[in-house]
Amino acid sequence: MDDFLDNYKGWIALSTSYVGEFYANDIINEAFIKLNKKENINRSYIFLTIRSLCIDFLRERNKIDKTEILDIEFINEFDKLAAYNRILYNIDKEIETWYWYDAQLFRLYKDSPMSLRKIANETDISITSIFHTIKKCKQIIKIKFIEDYQDYLNGDYELIN
């Protein structure tokens, strides 16, 4: 649910692109109600839910066919988003295998807006230790996921596992 709330303006923009500004908030509110009942949702699931609600709304309002809305560019954007989410999921799985200290420190660095100095002040860990741990963690991620990232940049989304 955090992905939904963190990117609220983005979801409004998405629904606005389909149904217009006047109905966008209604679509997002309906999506929130649907998603609030689910657990472990990700950006792809949110995207699909909002898209489905918009398509259903337009179909009812205008009695148009779903195929008129879906075009190649839209499908490619969805594939790109799904591939990006797969990479993030794989990175999160990798982080779970690390030592507790490394994983906690890297998650704190990755998920919070705090600088290394602020993290050092808050945790009473030396900034040198934090710097070297984060550097090591970034290097591990870079080595393990360079091929997936290259596939993502090249548009070979199906190669990302």
N, C-alpha and C. Protein backbone atom coordinates (compact mmCIF):
# COMPACT_ATOMS: atom_id res chain seq x y z
N MET A 1 0.82 -1.18 0.00
CA MET A 1 0.00 0.00 0.00
C MET A 1 0.87 1.25 0.00
N ASP A 2 2.11 1.11 0.48
CA ASP A 2 3.02 2.25 0.50
C ASP A 2 3.33 2.74 -0.91
N ASP A 3 3.48 1.80 -1.87
CA ASP A 3 3.73 2.18 -3.26
C ASP A 3 2.60 3.05 -3.79
N PHE A 4 1.37 2.74 -3.39
CA PHE A 4 0.22 3.51 -3.85
C PHE A 4 0.27 4.92 -3.30
N LEU A 5 0.50 5.04 -2.01
CA LEU A 5 0.50 6.36 -1.37
C LEU A 5 1.72 7.19 -1.74
N ASP A 6 2.88 6.54 -1.91
CA ASP A 6 4.09 7.27 -2.27
C ASP A 6 4.01 7.89 -3.65
N ASN A 7 3.29 7.25 -4.55
CA ASN A 7 3.21 7.72 -5.93
C ASN A 7 1.81 8.21 -6.25
N TYR A 8 1.13 8.81 -5.29
CA TYR A 8 -0.27 9.23 -5.46
C TYR A 8 -0.44 10.17 -6.65
N LYS A 9 0.43 11.17 -6.77
CA LYS A 9 0.31 12.13 -7.88
C LYS A 9 0.51 11.44 -9.22
N GLY A 10 1.39 10.46 -9.26
CA GLY A 10 1.60 9.70 -10.50
C GLY A 10 0.38 8.90 -10.90
N TRP A 11 -0.29 8.31 -9.90
CA TRP A 11 -1.50 7.54 -10.20
C TRP A 11 -2.63 8.46 -10.65
N ILE A 12 -2.70 9.65 -10.07
CA ILE A 12 -3.69 10.64 -10.52
C ILE A 12 -3.41 11.02 -11.98
N ALA A 13 -2.15 11.24 -12.30
CA ALA A 13 -1.78 11.59 -13.68
C ALA A 13 -2.14 10.47 -14.65
N LEU A 14 -1.91 9.22 -14.22
CA LEU A 14 -2.25 8.08 -15.06
C LEU A 14 -3.75 8.04 -15.34
N SER A 15 -4.55 8.16 -14.30
CA SER A 15 -6.00 8.09 -14.49
C SER A 15 -6.50 9.31 -15.26
N THR A 16 -5.88 10.47 -15.06
CA THR A 16 -6.25 11.67 -15.81
C THR A 16 -6.01 11.47 -17.31
N SER A 17 -4.94 10.77 -17.65
CA SER A 17 -4.64 10.54 -19.07
C SER A 17 -5.72 9.67 -19.73
N TYR A 18 -6.42 8.87 -18.96
CA TYR A 18 -7.48 8.03 -19.50
C TYR A 18 -8.85 8.71 -19.48
N VAL A 19 -9.24 9.18 -18.30
CA VAL A 19 -10.63 9.61 -18.11
C VAL A 19 -10.79 11.11 -17.94
N GLY A 20 -9.70 11.85 -17.93
CA GLY A 20 -9.79 13.28 -17.76
C GLY A 20 -9.69 13.67 -16.30
N GLU A 21 -9.44 14.94 -16.08
CA GLU A 21 -9.20 15.44 -14.73
C GLU A 21 -10.43 15.34 -13.82
N PHE A 22 -11.60 15.49 -14.41
CA PHE A 22 -12.83 15.52 -13.63
C PHE A 22 -13.10 14.18 -12.93
N TYR A 23 -12.82 13.06 -13.59
CA TYR A 23 -13.12 11.73 -13.05
C TYR A 23 -11.91 11.04 -12.41
N ALA A 24 -10.72 11.63 -12.52
CA ALA A 24 -9.49 10.96 -12.06
C ALA A 24 -9.53 10.62 -10.57
N ASN A 25 -9.98 11.55 -9.75
CA ASN A 25 -10.03 11.28 -8.30
C ASN A 25 -10.99 10.16 -7.96
N ASP A 26 -12.10 10.08 -8.69
CA ASP A 26 -13.04 8.98 -8.44
C ASP A 26 -12.39 7.63 -8.74
N ILE A 27 -11.65 7.56 -9.83
CA ILE A 27 -10.98 6.32 -10.20
C ILE A 27 -9.95 5.95 -9.13
N ILE A 28 -9.16 6.91 -8.68
CA ILE A 28 -8.13 6.63 -7.67
C ILE A 28 -8.76 6.21 -6.35
N ASN A 29 -9.87 6.84 -5.97
CA ASN A 29 -10.56 6.44 -4.74
C ASN A 29 -11.08 5.01 -4.85
N GLU A 30 -11.61 4.67 -6.00
CA GLU A 30 -12.10 3.32 -6.21
C GLU A 30 -10.94 2.32 -6.17
N ALA A 31 -9.80 2.71 -6.76
CA ALA A 31 -8.62 1.84 -6.73
C ALA A 31 -8.14 1.65 -5.29
N PHE A 32 -8.16 2.71 -4.51
CA PHE A 32 -7.73 2.62 -3.11
C PHE A 32 -8.61 1.63 -2.34
N ILE A 33 -9.90 1.68 -2.58
CA ILE A 33 -10.83 0.76 -1.90
C ILE A 33 -10.51 -0.68 -2.29
N LYS A 34 -10.28 -0.92 -3.58
CA LYS A 34 -9.95 -2.27 -4.03
C LYS A 34 -8.62 -2.74 -3.47
N LEU A 35 -7.61 -1.88 -3.53
CA LEU A 35 -6.26 -2.27 -3.11
C LEU A 35 -6.14 -2.40 -1.60
N ASN A 36 -6.96 -1.70 -0.86
CA ASN A 36 -6.90 -1.73 0.60
C ASN A 36 -7.24 -3.12 1.15
N LYS A 37 -7.96 -3.92 0.36
CA LYS A 37 -8.34 -5.26 0.79
C LYS A 37 -7.23 -6.28 0.52
N LYS A 38 -6.23 -5.90 -0.26
CA LYS A 38 -5.17 -6.83 -0.66
C LYS A 38 -3.94 -6.66 0.21
N GLU A 39 -3.09 -7.69 0.19
CA GLU A 39 -1.81 -7.64 0.87
C GLU A 39 -0.71 -7.85 -0.15
N ASN A 40 0.47 -7.36 0.14
CA ASN A 40 1.65 -7.54 -0.70
C ASN A 40 1.40 -7.10 -2.14
N ILE A 41 0.98 -5.87 -2.32
CA ILE A 41 0.77 -5.35 -3.66
C ILE A 41 2.01 -4.61 -4.11
N ASN A 42 2.25 -4.61 -5.43
CA ASN A 42 3.39 -3.89 -5.97
C ASN A 42 2.90 -2.90 -7.02
N ARG A 43 3.83 -2.15 -7.60
CA ARG A 43 3.47 -1.10 -8.56
C ARG A 43 2.75 -1.66 -9.78
N SER A 44 3.16 -2.82 -10.24
CA SER A 44 2.51 -3.41 -11.41
C SER A 44 1.04 -3.70 -11.13
N TYR A 45 0.77 -4.23 -9.97
CA TYR A 45 -0.61 -4.55 -9.60
C TYR A 45 -1.45 -3.28 -9.47
N ILE A 46 -0.87 -2.24 -8.88
CA ILE A 46 -1.57 -0.96 -8.77
C ILE A 46 -1.85 -0.41 -10.16
N PHE A 47 -0.85 -0.45 -11.02
CA PHE A 47 -1.00 0.04 -12.39
C PHE A 47 -2.12 -0.69 -13.12
N LEU A 48 -2.13 -2.01 -13.02
CA LEU A 48 -3.17 -2.80 -13.69
C LEU A 48 -4.55 -2.51 -13.12
N THR A 49 -4.65 -2.33 -11.82
CA THR A 49 -5.94 -2.03 -11.19
C THR A 49 -6.48 -0.70 -11.69
N ILE A 50 -5.64 0.32 -11.69
CA ILE A 50 -6.09 1.64 -12.15
C ILE A 50 -6.45 1.60 -13.62
N ARG A 51 -5.64 0.93 -14.42
CA ARG A 51 -5.93 0.83 -15.85
C ARG A 51 -7.26 0.12 -16.08
N SER A 52 -7.49 -0.96 -15.37
CA SER A 52 -8.74 -1.70 -15.52
C SER A 52 -9.94 -0.85 -15.12
N LEU A 53 -9.82 -0.12 -14.03
CA LEU A 53 -10.92 0.75 -13.61
C LEU A 53 -11.19 1.84 -14.66
N CYS A 54 -10.14 2.40 -15.22
CA CYS A 54 -10.31 3.43 -16.26
C CYS A 54 -10.97 2.84 -17.50
N ILE A 55 -10.54 1.69 -17.92
CA ILE A 55 -11.11 1.05 -19.10
C ILE A 55 -12.58 0.71 -18.87
N ASP A 56 -12.87 0.16 -17.70
CA ASP A 56 -14.27 -0.15 -17.37
C ASP A 56 -15.13 1.11 -17.36
N PHE A 57 -14.59 2.18 -16.79
CA PHE A 57 -15.32 3.44 -16.75
C PHE A 57 -15.60 3.94 -18.17
N LEU A 58 -14.57 3.94 -19.01
CA LEU A 58 -14.74 4.43 -20.38
C LEU A 58 -15.68 3.54 -21.19
N ARG A 59 -15.58 2.24 -20.96
CA ARG A 59 -16.46 1.32 -21.69
C ARG A 59 -17.92 1.58 -21.32
N GLU A 60 -18.17 1.78 -20.05
CA GLU A 60 -19.54 2.05 -19.61
C GLU A 60 -20.02 3.41 -20.10
N ARG A 61 -19.15 4.39 -20.03
CA ARG A 61 -19.53 5.75 -20.39
C ARG A 61 -19.72 5.92 -21.89
N ASN A 62 -18.80 5.37 -22.65
CA ASN A 62 -18.80 5.59 -24.09
C ASN A 62 -19.17 4.34 -24.89
N LYS A 63 -19.29 3.23 -24.20
CA LYS A 63 -19.56 1.95 -24.87
C LYS A 63 -18.52 1.69 -25.96
N ILE A 64 -17.24 1.83 -25.58
CA ILE A 64 -16.17 1.57 -26.54
C ILE A 64 -15.51 0.25 -26.21
N ASP A 65 -14.81 -0.28 -27.18
CA ASP A 65 -14.14 -1.56 -27.03
C ASP A 65 -12.77 -1.35 -26.37
N LYS A 66 -12.36 -2.30 -25.56
CA LYS A 66 -11.08 -2.23 -24.85
C LYS A 66 -9.90 -2.10 -25.81
N THR A 67 -9.98 -2.70 -26.98
CA THR A 67 -8.86 -2.67 -27.92
C THR A 67 -8.61 -1.27 -28.48
N GLU A 68 -9.58 -0.38 -28.42
CA GLU A 68 -9.35 0.98 -28.88
C GLU A 68 -8.43 1.74 -27.94
N ILE A 69 -8.38 1.35 -26.68
CA ILE A 69 -7.56 2.05 -25.70
C ILE A 69 -6.14 1.52 -25.71
N LEU A 70 -5.99 0.23 -25.81
CA LEU A 70 -4.67 -0.38 -25.74
C LEU A 70 -3.96 -0.23 -27.08
N ASP A 71 -2.78 0.35 -27.05
CA ASP A 71 -1.97 0.44 -28.25
C ASP A 71 -0.58 -0.10 -27.93
N ILE A 72 0.24 -0.21 -28.95
CA ILE A 72 1.56 -0.83 -28.79
C ILE A 72 2.42 -0.04 -27.79
N GLU A 73 2.38 1.27 -27.85
CA GLU A 73 3.19 2.08 -26.95
C GLU A 73 2.82 1.84 -25.50
N PHE A 74 1.54 1.74 -25.23
CA PHE A 74 1.07 1.50 -23.87
C PHE A 74 1.53 0.13 -23.38
N ILE A 75 1.41 -0.88 -24.21
CA ILE A 75 1.82 -2.23 -23.83
C ILE A 75 3.32 -2.26 -23.57
N ASN A 76 4.11 -1.55 -24.37
CA ASN A 76 5.56 -1.49 -24.14
C ASN A 76 5.89 -0.82 -22.82
N GLU A 77 5.15 0.24 -22.46
CA GLU A 77 5.37 0.89 -21.18
C GLU A 77 5.06 -0.05 -20.02
N PHE A 78 4.02 -0.85 -20.18
CA PHE A 78 3.69 -1.81 -19.13
C PHE A 78 4.80 -2.85 -19.00
N ASP A 79 5.31 -3.36 -20.13
CA ASP A 79 6.40 -4.33 -20.08
C ASP A 79 7.63 -3.73 -19.41
N LYS A 80 7.90 -2.46 -19.70
CA LYS A 80 9.04 -1.78 -19.10
C LYS A 80 8.87 -1.66 -17.59
N LEU A 81 7.68 -1.28 -17.16
CA LEU A 81 7.40 -1.16 -15.72
C LEU A 81 7.49 -2.52 -15.02
N ALA A 82 6.96 -3.54 -15.65
CA ALA A 82 7.00 -4.89 -15.07
C ALA A 82 8.45 -5.38 -14.95
N ALA A 83 9.28 -5.10 -15.96
CA ALA A 83 10.69 -5.50 -15.92
C ALA A 83 11.43 -4.77 -14.81
N TYR A 84 11.16 -3.49 -14.68
CA TYR A 84 11.79 -2.69 -13.62
C TYR A 84 11.40 -3.23 -12.24
N ASN A 85 10.14 -3.57 -12.07
CA ASN A 85 9.69 -4.13 -10.80
C ASN A 85 10.33 -5.49 -10.52
N ARG A 86 10.55 -6.30 -11.57
CA ARG A 86 11.22 -7.59 -11.37
C ARG A 86 12.65 -7.38 -10.89
N ILE A 87 13.34 -6.38 -11.45
CA ILE A 87 14.71 -6.09 -11.01
C ILE A 87 14.71 -5.66 -9.55
N LEU A 88 13.81 -4.77 -9.18
CA LEU A 88 13.73 -4.32 -7.78
C LEU A 88 13.41 -5.48 -6.83
N TYR A 89 12.50 -6.35 -7.25
CA TYR A 89 12.15 -7.52 -6.44
C TYR A 89 13.37 -8.42 -6.26
N ASN A 90 14.12 -8.65 -7.33
CA ASN A 90 15.31 -9.50 -7.25
C ASN A 90 16.38 -8.88 -6.35
N ILE A 91 16.51 -7.56 -6.40
CA ILE A 91 17.47 -6.88 -5.52
C ILE A 91 17.03 -7.04 -4.07
N ASP A 92 15.75 -6.88 -3.79
CA ASP A 92 15.25 -7.06 -2.42
C ASP A 92 15.49 -8.49 -1.92
N LYS A 93 15.29 -9.47 -2.80
CA LYS A 93 15.58 -10.86 -2.41
C LYS A 93 17.05 -11.04 -2.11
N GLU A 94 17.92 -10.41 -2.90
CA GLU A 94 19.36 -10.49 -2.66
C GLU A 94 19.73 -9.88 -1.32
N ILE A 95 19.15 -8.72 -1.02
CA ILE A 95 19.45 -8.04 0.25
C ILE A 95 19.08 -8.92 1.44
N GLU A 96 18.01 -9.71 1.31
CA GLU A 96 17.59 -10.60 2.40
C GLU A 96 18.63 -11.67 2.73
N THR A 97 19.54 -11.96 1.80
CA THR A 97 20.56 -12.99 2.04
C THR A 97 21.81 -12.43 2.71
N TRP A 98 21.92 -11.14 2.85
CA TRP A 98 23.11 -10.50 3.42
C TRP A 98 23.11 -10.63 4.94
N TYR A 99 24.26 -10.34 5.52
CA TYR A 99 24.36 -10.25 6.97
C TYR A 99 23.38 -9.18 7.45
N TRP A 100 22.88 -9.38 8.66
CA TRP A 100 21.87 -8.48 9.21
C TRP A 100 22.34 -7.03 9.19
N TYR A 101 23.54 -6.77 9.62
CA TYR A 101 24.08 -5.40 9.69
C TYR A 101 24.10 -4.75 8.32
N ASP A 102 24.64 -5.47 7.34
CA ASP A 102 24.72 -4.92 5.98
C ASP A 102 23.33 -4.65 5.42
N ALA A 103 22.42 -5.60 5.59
CA ALA A 103 21.08 -5.46 5.05
C ALA A 103 20.34 -4.29 5.70
N GLN A 104 20.42 -4.17 7.01
CA GLN A 104 19.71 -3.10 7.71
C GLN A 104 20.26 -1.73 7.34
N LEU A 105 21.57 -1.63 7.27
CA LEU A 105 22.20 -0.36 6.94
C LEU A 105 21.89 0.05 5.50
N PHE A 106 21.94 -0.91 4.59
CA PHE A 106 21.65 -0.59 3.19
C PHE A 106 20.18 -0.22 3.00
N ARG A 107 19.28 -0.92 3.67
CA ARG A 107 17.85 -0.57 3.57
C ARG A 107 17.60 0.83 4.13
N LEU A 108 18.26 1.15 5.22
CA LEU A 108 18.12 2.48 5.80
C LEU A 108 18.62 3.54 4.82
N TYR A 109 19.74 3.28 4.19
CA TYR A 109 20.30 4.19 3.20
C TYR A 109 19.39 4.31 1.98
N LYS A 110 18.88 3.17 1.50
CA LYS A 110 18.08 3.12 0.28
C LYS A 110 16.68 3.69 0.48
N ASP A 111 16.07 3.40 1.60
CA ASP A 111 14.65 3.73 1.80
C ASP A 111 14.39 5.04 2.52
N SER A 112 15.42 5.68 3.03
CA SER A 112 15.19 6.94 3.74
C SER A 112 15.92 8.07 3.02
N PRO A 113 15.47 9.29 3.23
CA PRO A 113 16.13 10.42 2.57
C PRO A 113 17.36 10.92 3.33
N MET A 114 17.77 10.18 4.35
CA MET A 114 18.89 10.63 5.18
C MET A 114 20.22 10.48 4.45
N SER A 115 21.12 11.42 4.69
CA SER A 115 22.47 11.34 4.16
C SER A 115 23.28 10.38 5.02
N LEU A 116 24.47 10.04 4.55
CA LEU A 116 25.34 9.15 5.33
C LEU A 116 25.67 9.79 6.68
N ARG A 117 25.92 11.07 6.68
CA ARG A 117 26.24 11.76 7.93
C ARG A 117 25.06 11.71 8.91
N LYS A 118 23.85 11.90 8.40
CA LYS A 118 22.65 11.85 9.24
C LYS A 118 22.45 10.43 9.80
N ILE A 119 22.67 9.42 8.95
CA ILE A 119 22.56 8.03 9.41
C ILE A 119 23.57 7.77 10.53
N ALA A 120 24.79 8.29 10.35
CA ALA A 120 25.83 8.11 11.37
C ALA A 120 25.41 8.76 12.68
N ASN A 121 24.85 9.95 12.60
CA ASN A 121 24.42 10.64 13.82
C ASN A 121 23.27 9.91 14.51
N GLU A 122 22.33 9.41 13.73
CA GLU A 122 21.15 8.74 14.29
C GLU A 122 21.48 7.37 14.88
N THR A 123 22.43 6.65 14.28
CA THR A 123 22.70 5.27 14.69
C THR A 123 23.93 5.11 15.56
N ASP A 124 24.70 6.18 15.73
CA ASP A 124 25.97 6.12 16.47
C ASP A 124 26.94 5.12 15.86
N ILE A 125 26.90 5.00 14.55
CA ILE A 125 27.86 4.19 13.80
C ILE A 125 28.77 5.17 13.08
N SER A 126 30.05 4.85 12.99
CA SER A 126 30.98 5.79 12.35
C SER A 126 30.63 5.95 10.88
N ILE A 127 30.83 7.15 10.39
CA ILE A 127 30.52 7.43 8.99
C ILE A 127 31.43 6.62 8.07
N THR A 128 32.62 6.32 8.50
CA THR A 128 33.55 5.50 7.71
C THR A 128 32.99 4.09 7.54
N SER A 129 32.49 3.52 8.62
CA SER A 129 31.91 2.18 8.56
C SER A 129 30.69 2.16 7.65
N ILE A 130 29.85 3.17 7.79
CA ILE A 130 28.65 3.25 6.94
C ILE A 130 29.06 3.39 5.49
N PHE A 131 30.01 4.27 5.20
CA PHE A 131 30.46 4.49 3.83
C PHE A 131 30.97 3.20 3.20
N HIS A 132 31.84 2.49 3.91
CA HIS A 132 32.41 1.25 3.36
C HIS A 132 31.36 0.16 3.20
N THR A 133 30.43 0.07 4.13
CA THR A 133 29.36 -0.93 4.02
C THR A 133 28.46 -0.64 2.82
N ILE A 134 28.06 0.60 2.65
CA ILE A 134 27.19 0.98 1.52
C ILE A 134 27.94 0.77 0.20
N LYS A 135 29.21 1.13 0.17
CA LYS A 135 30.02 0.94 -1.04
C LYS A 135 30.10 -0.55 -1.41
N LYS A 136 30.31 -1.39 -0.39
CA LYS A 136 30.38 -2.84 -0.63
C LYS A 136 29.03 -3.37 -1.13
N CYS A 137 27.95 -2.91 -0.53
CA CYS A 137 26.61 -3.36 -0.93
C CYS A 137 26.28 -2.94 -2.35
N LYS A 138 26.60 -1.70 -2.69
CA LYS A 138 26.36 -1.23 -4.06
C LYS A 138 27.16 -2.06 -5.08
N GLN A 139 28.39 -2.39 -4.72
CA GLN A 139 29.23 -3.19 -5.61
C GLN A 139 28.63 -4.58 -5.82
N ILE A 140 28.12 -5.19 -4.78
CA ILE A 140 27.48 -6.50 -4.89
C ILE A 140 26.28 -6.42 -5.83
N ILE A 141 25.45 -5.41 -5.64
CA ILE A 141 24.27 -5.25 -6.49
C ILE A 141 24.69 -5.01 -7.94
N LYS A 142 25.69 -4.17 -8.13
CA LYS A 142 26.14 -3.87 -9.49
C LYS A 142 26.64 -5.14 -10.20
N ILE A 143 27.40 -5.95 -9.49
CA ILE A 143 27.95 -7.17 -10.09
C ILE A 143 26.83 -8.18 -10.40
N LYS A 144 25.91 -8.37 -9.47
CA LYS A 144 24.88 -9.39 -9.65
C LYS A 144 23.78 -9.00 -10.63
N PHE A 145 23.56 -7.70 -10.81
CA PHE A 145 22.41 -7.28 -11.61
C PHE A 145 22.77 -6.46 -12.84
N ILE A 146 24.04 -6.45 -13.22
CA ILE A 146 24.45 -5.67 -14.39
C ILE A 146 23.81 -6.19 -15.67
N GLU A 147 23.70 -7.50 -15.80
CA GLU A 147 23.10 -8.07 -17.01
C GLU A 147 21.62 -7.75 -17.10
N ASP A 148 20.92 -7.87 -15.99
CA ASP A 148 19.49 -7.51 -15.98
C ASP A 148 19.29 -6.04 -16.31
N TYR A 149 20.16 -5.20 -15.77
CA TYR A 149 20.03 -3.76 -16.03
C TYR A 149 20.32 -3.45 -17.50
N GLN A 150 21.31 -4.12 -18.07
CA GLN A 150 21.60 -3.92 -19.49
C GLN A 150 20.43 -4.39 -20.36
N ASP A 151 19.81 -5.51 -19.99
CA ASP A 151 18.63 -5.98 -20.71
C ASP A 151 17.49 -4.98 -20.59
N TYR A 152 17.35 -4.38 -19.43
CA TYR A 152 16.32 -3.37 -19.22
C TYR A 152 16.57 -2.15 -20.11
N LEU A 153 17.81 -1.68 -20.15
CA LEU A 153 18.13 -0.52 -20.98
C LEU A 153 17.97 -0.81 -22.47
N ASN A 154 18.25 -2.05 -22.87
CA ASN A 154 18.14 -2.42 -24.28
C ASN A 154 16.72 -2.79 -24.69
N GLY A 155 15.81 -2.86 -23.75
CA GLY A 155 14.42 -3.20 -24.06
C GLY A 155 14.19 -4.70 -24.16
N ASP A 156 15.14 -5.50 -23.72
CA ASP A 156 14.97 -6.96 -23.73
C ASP A 156 14.35 -7.41 -22.42
N TYR A 157 13.12 -7.00 -22.19
CA TYR A 157 12.48 -7.22 -20.90
C TYR A 157 12.23 -8.70 -20.61
N GLU A 158 12.06 -9.49 -21.64
CA GLU A 158 11.77 -10.91 -21.42
C GLU A 158 12.98 -11.68 -20.90
N LEU A 159 14.18 -11.11 -21.02
CA LEU A 159 15.39 -11.77 -20.54
C LEU A 159 15.62 -11.59 -19.04
N ILE A 160 14.88 -10.66 -18.45
CA ILE A 160 15.04 -10.39 -17.02
C ILE A 160 14.24 -11.45 -16.26
N ASN A 161 14.93 -12.19 -15.39
CA ASN A 161 14.25 -13.26 -14.67
C ASN A 161 13.72 -12.80 -13.34
